[in-house]
Amino acid sequence: MRTFTCFTTDQRYGVPTLSFILAADEERAREIARRELLSAREHTGIELHENGRCIFTEKRSFAS
């Protein structure tokens, strides 16, 4: 298992929320990160890091 660092931007808070994801590979970690992004309407973006390097970022798009 590999450890990934996740920063979730939430419109309710001034700083991103830090969490950790344990996953077998980067693809699975990205799936988990996307699920986290979509888990709350207030989540506006997510960054996934491994060994201090950003490997994935996604912003939520809101339809007007």
Protein backbone atom coordinates (compact mmCIF):
# COMPACT_ATOMS: atom_id res chain seq x y z
CA MET A 1 0.00 0.00 0.00
CA ARG A 2 1.12 3.52 -0.79
CA THR A 3 0.28 6.65 1.19
CA PHE A 4 -1.07 9.70 -0.64
CA THR A 5 -1.69 13.14 0.85
CA CYS A 6 -4.97 14.79 -0.07
CA PHE A 7 -5.91 18.48 0.23
CA THR A 8 -9.61 19.20 -0.16
CA THR A 9 -10.75 22.78 -0.77
CA ASP A 10 -14.08 23.46 0.92
CA GLN A 11 -16.01 26.70 0.49
CA ARG A 12 -16.85 26.69 4.22
CA TYR A 13 -13.23 26.92 5.37
CA GLY A 14 -10.30 29.24 4.68
CA VAL A 15 -7.68 26.49 4.39
CA PRO A 16 -7.76 23.10 2.65
CA THR A 17 -8.56 20.01 4.69
CA LEU A 18 -5.69 17.54 4.97
CA SER A 19 -6.35 13.81 4.74
CA PHE A 20 -4.44 10.69 3.78
CA ILE A 21 -5.36 7.97 1.34
CA LEU A 22 -3.92 4.46 1.48
CA ALA A 23 -4.15 2.81 -1.93
CA ALA A 24 -2.42 0.12 -3.94
CA ASP A 25 -1.62 2.47 -6.82
CA GLU A 26 -2.07 6.00 -8.17
CA GLU A 27 -5.13 5.10 -10.23
CA ARG A 28 -7.01 3.84 -7.16
CA ALA A 29 -5.92 6.89 -5.16
CA ARG A 30 -7.34 9.16 -7.88
CA GLU A 31 -10.66 7.29 -7.78
CA ILE A 32 -10.85 7.76 -4.01
CA ALA A 33 -9.93 11.45 -4.32
CA ARG A 34 -12.65 12.03 -6.95
CA ARG A 35 -15.19 10.33 -4.68
CA GLU A 36 -14.12 12.59 -1.81
CA LEU A 37 -14.49 15.68 -4.02
CA LEU A 38 -18.05 14.68 -4.89
CA SER A 39 -18.99 13.61 -1.36
CA ALA A 40 -20.06 17.10 -0.27
CA ARG A 41 -21.54 19.95 -2.26
CA GLU A 42 -19.20 22.39 -0.47
CA HIS A 43 -16.05 20.68 -1.79
CA THR A 44 -14.70 22.79 -4.65
CA GLY A 45 -11.36 21.17 -5.44
CA ILE A 46 -8.92 18.44 -4.53
CA GLU A 47 -5.17 17.87 -4.82
CA LEU A 48 -3.46 14.51 -4.47
CA HIS A 49 0.23 14.35 -3.56
CA GLU A 50 2.76 11.56 -3.24
CA ASN A 51 6.22 12.16 -1.78
CA GLY A 52 5.58 15.92 -1.75
CA ARG A 53 4.77 16.07 -5.47
CA CYS A 54 1.31 16.96 -6.80
CA ILE A 55 0.18 14.09 -9.03
CA PHE A 56 -3.48 14.96 -9.50
CA THR A 57 -5.73 17.98 -9.17
CA GLU A 58 -9.39 18.44 -9.96
CA LYS A 59 -11.81 21.32 -9.55
CA ARG A 60 -15.54 20.85 -9.30
CA SER A 61 -17.54 22.64 -11.96
CA PHE A 62 -20.89 24.00 -10.93
CA ALA A 63 -23.65 24.40 -13.49
CA SER A 64 -25.36 27.79 -13.40
